[in-house]
Each structure stands twice: as structure tokens, then as C-alpha cells.
Protein backbone atom coordinates (compact mmCIF):
# COMPACT_ATOMS: atom_id res chain seq x y z
CA ILE A 1 367.64 105.56 173.66
CA ASN A 2 367.32 108.28 176.78
CA SER A 3 369.14 106.02 179.56
CA ASN A 4 369.10 108.94 181.98
CA ARG A 5 372.07 107.29 183.65
CA GLY A 6 373.78 110.52 184.48
CA PRO A 7 373.49 114.20 185.49
CA LEU A 8 373.55 115.26 181.85
CA PRO A 9 371.52 114.10 178.83
CA THR A 10 372.43 110.81 177.50
CA SER A 11 375.75 111.71 174.74
CA THR A 12 375.21 111.39 171.17
CA THR A 13 378.21 109.43 171.35
CA GLN A 14 377.30 107.00 173.71
CA ARG A 15 375.41 103.44 171.72
CA ASP A 16 373.95 101.07 173.97
CA MET A 17 373.26 97.56 172.70
CA LEU A 18 369.90 95.47 173.38
CA ASP A 19 369.58 92.17 173.18
CA LYS A 20 365.99 92.48 171.75
CA GLU A 21 365.34 88.33 172.49
CA ASP A 22 366.08 88.57 176.11
CA ARG A 23 362.64 89.99 177.44
CA GLU A 24 362.59 88.08 180.68
CA ILE A 25 362.83 90.05 183.71
CA ILE A 26 365.44 89.28 185.81
CA SER A 27 365.80 91.96 188.99
CA GLY A 28 367.98 94.47 188.86
CA LYS A 29 369.40 94.03 184.81
CA ILE A 30 368.73 96.95 182.75
CA TYR A 31 366.09 96.68 179.89
CA ALA A 32 364.87 99.01 177.42
CA VAL A 33 361.06 99.95 177.86
CA TRP A 34 358.36 101.71 176.20
CA LEU A 35 357.02 104.71 178.26
CA PRO A 36 353.61 106.48 177.14
CA ASN A 37 354.37 110.20 176.44
CA GLU A 38 358.76 109.35 176.40
CA GLY A 39 359.42 106.59 174.42
CA ALA A 40 362.07 104.12 174.98
CA VAL A 41 364.17 104.66 177.77
CA LEU A 42 366.78 102.51 179.66
CA ARG A 43 365.82 101.17 183.32
CA ARG A 44 366.75 98.98 186.05
CA ILE A 45 363.54 96.27 186.52
CA PHE A 46 362.68 95.38 190.21
CA THR A 47 360.22 92.92 190.98
CA ASP A 48 357.95 92.92 193.81
CA ILE A 49 355.04 90.85 194.95
CA ASP A 50 352.61 93.30 193.37
CA LYS A 51 354.38 95.44 191.30
CA ILE A 52 357.35 95.55 188.88
CA ILE A 53 359.90 98.70 189.65
CA LEU A 54 361.51 100.67 187.00
CA LYS A 55 364.20 102.59 188.24
CA PRO A 56 366.59 105.16 186.46
CA ASP A 57 370.09 105.23 187.22
CA ASN A 58 369.88 108.89 187.34
CA PRO A 59 368.25 109.99 190.91
CA SER A 60 367.06 112.86 189.29
CA PHE A 61 364.58 110.84 187.39
CA PRO A 62 361.57 109.16 188.96
CA VAL A 63 360.92 105.41 189.59
CA ILE A 64 358.03 104.50 188.34
CA PRO A 65 355.95 101.60 189.86
CA ILE A 66 353.92 99.41 187.38
CA LEU A 67 351.36 96.38 187.47
CA PRO A 68 352.29 93.13 186.28
CA GLU A 69 349.63 92.97 184.07
CA ASP A 70 350.94 96.45 182.16
CA ILE A 71 354.85 95.20 181.36
CA LYS A 72 352.86 93.87 178.02
CA ARG A 73 350.00 96.15 177.50
CA LYS A 74 351.21 99.75 178.27
CA THR A 75 355.26 99.09 178.91
CA PRO A 76 356.78 96.34 177.14
CA ILE A 77 360.16 95.08 177.49
CA LEU A 78 361.83 96.16 174.13
CA GLY A 79 365.18 94.08 175.00
CA ARG A 80 367.80 94.01 177.81
CA LEU A 81 371.06 96.15 177.96
CA LYS A 82 374.11 93.90 176.81
CA TRP A 83 376.61 96.66 176.75
CA VAL A 84 377.10 100.56 176.30
CA MET A 85 379.75 102.20 174.14
CA GLN A 86 380.98 105.68 174.74
CA LEU A 87 383.33 107.65 172.46
CA LEU A 88 385.58 110.05 173.93
């Protein structure tokens, strides 16, 4: 999964653990989502009145607003991030 959390590309020594059963959105939590033309990525999800915001921790990547109905059709949630392991 491309996490886009730091200024460099995601390390091949990083491992992200997802809970694939936990797909209910909690604003501010990190989820794996499927983006067309990008594949699986990690994004913080924030809810707004009429849209859902997908925000990477790395500011060099764009914030993506989507409609709530598109979260199931075009940009499904794959699971919520539970922990990250980084080898030294």
C-alpha cells in the first residue's frame, strides 16, 4: 500500500496492518482506500456535510474530496489501519 506519509516513497521495509472488517468511517482515522488509476493507498478520512475528504499525511500529495455515494462505487474502503511496523 502506498501510504504517502513521509517525504520519500514508502519504504519496502514498512509493513501496514489493516483490519479489513473495520470499514465504518471514523473521521480522522487512517484507512486503505482504492483509488482509480492509483490502486490501494492509505489516507486519513474526514467527513463533511456533503463530501468525504481523503487526506494524505504527506503534504506533497493532493487532498481528494469525494461524494459519499462514491465511497462504495468508485473509491471503496479496504480497511482501517491498525498498526505500522518499520524495520530499521
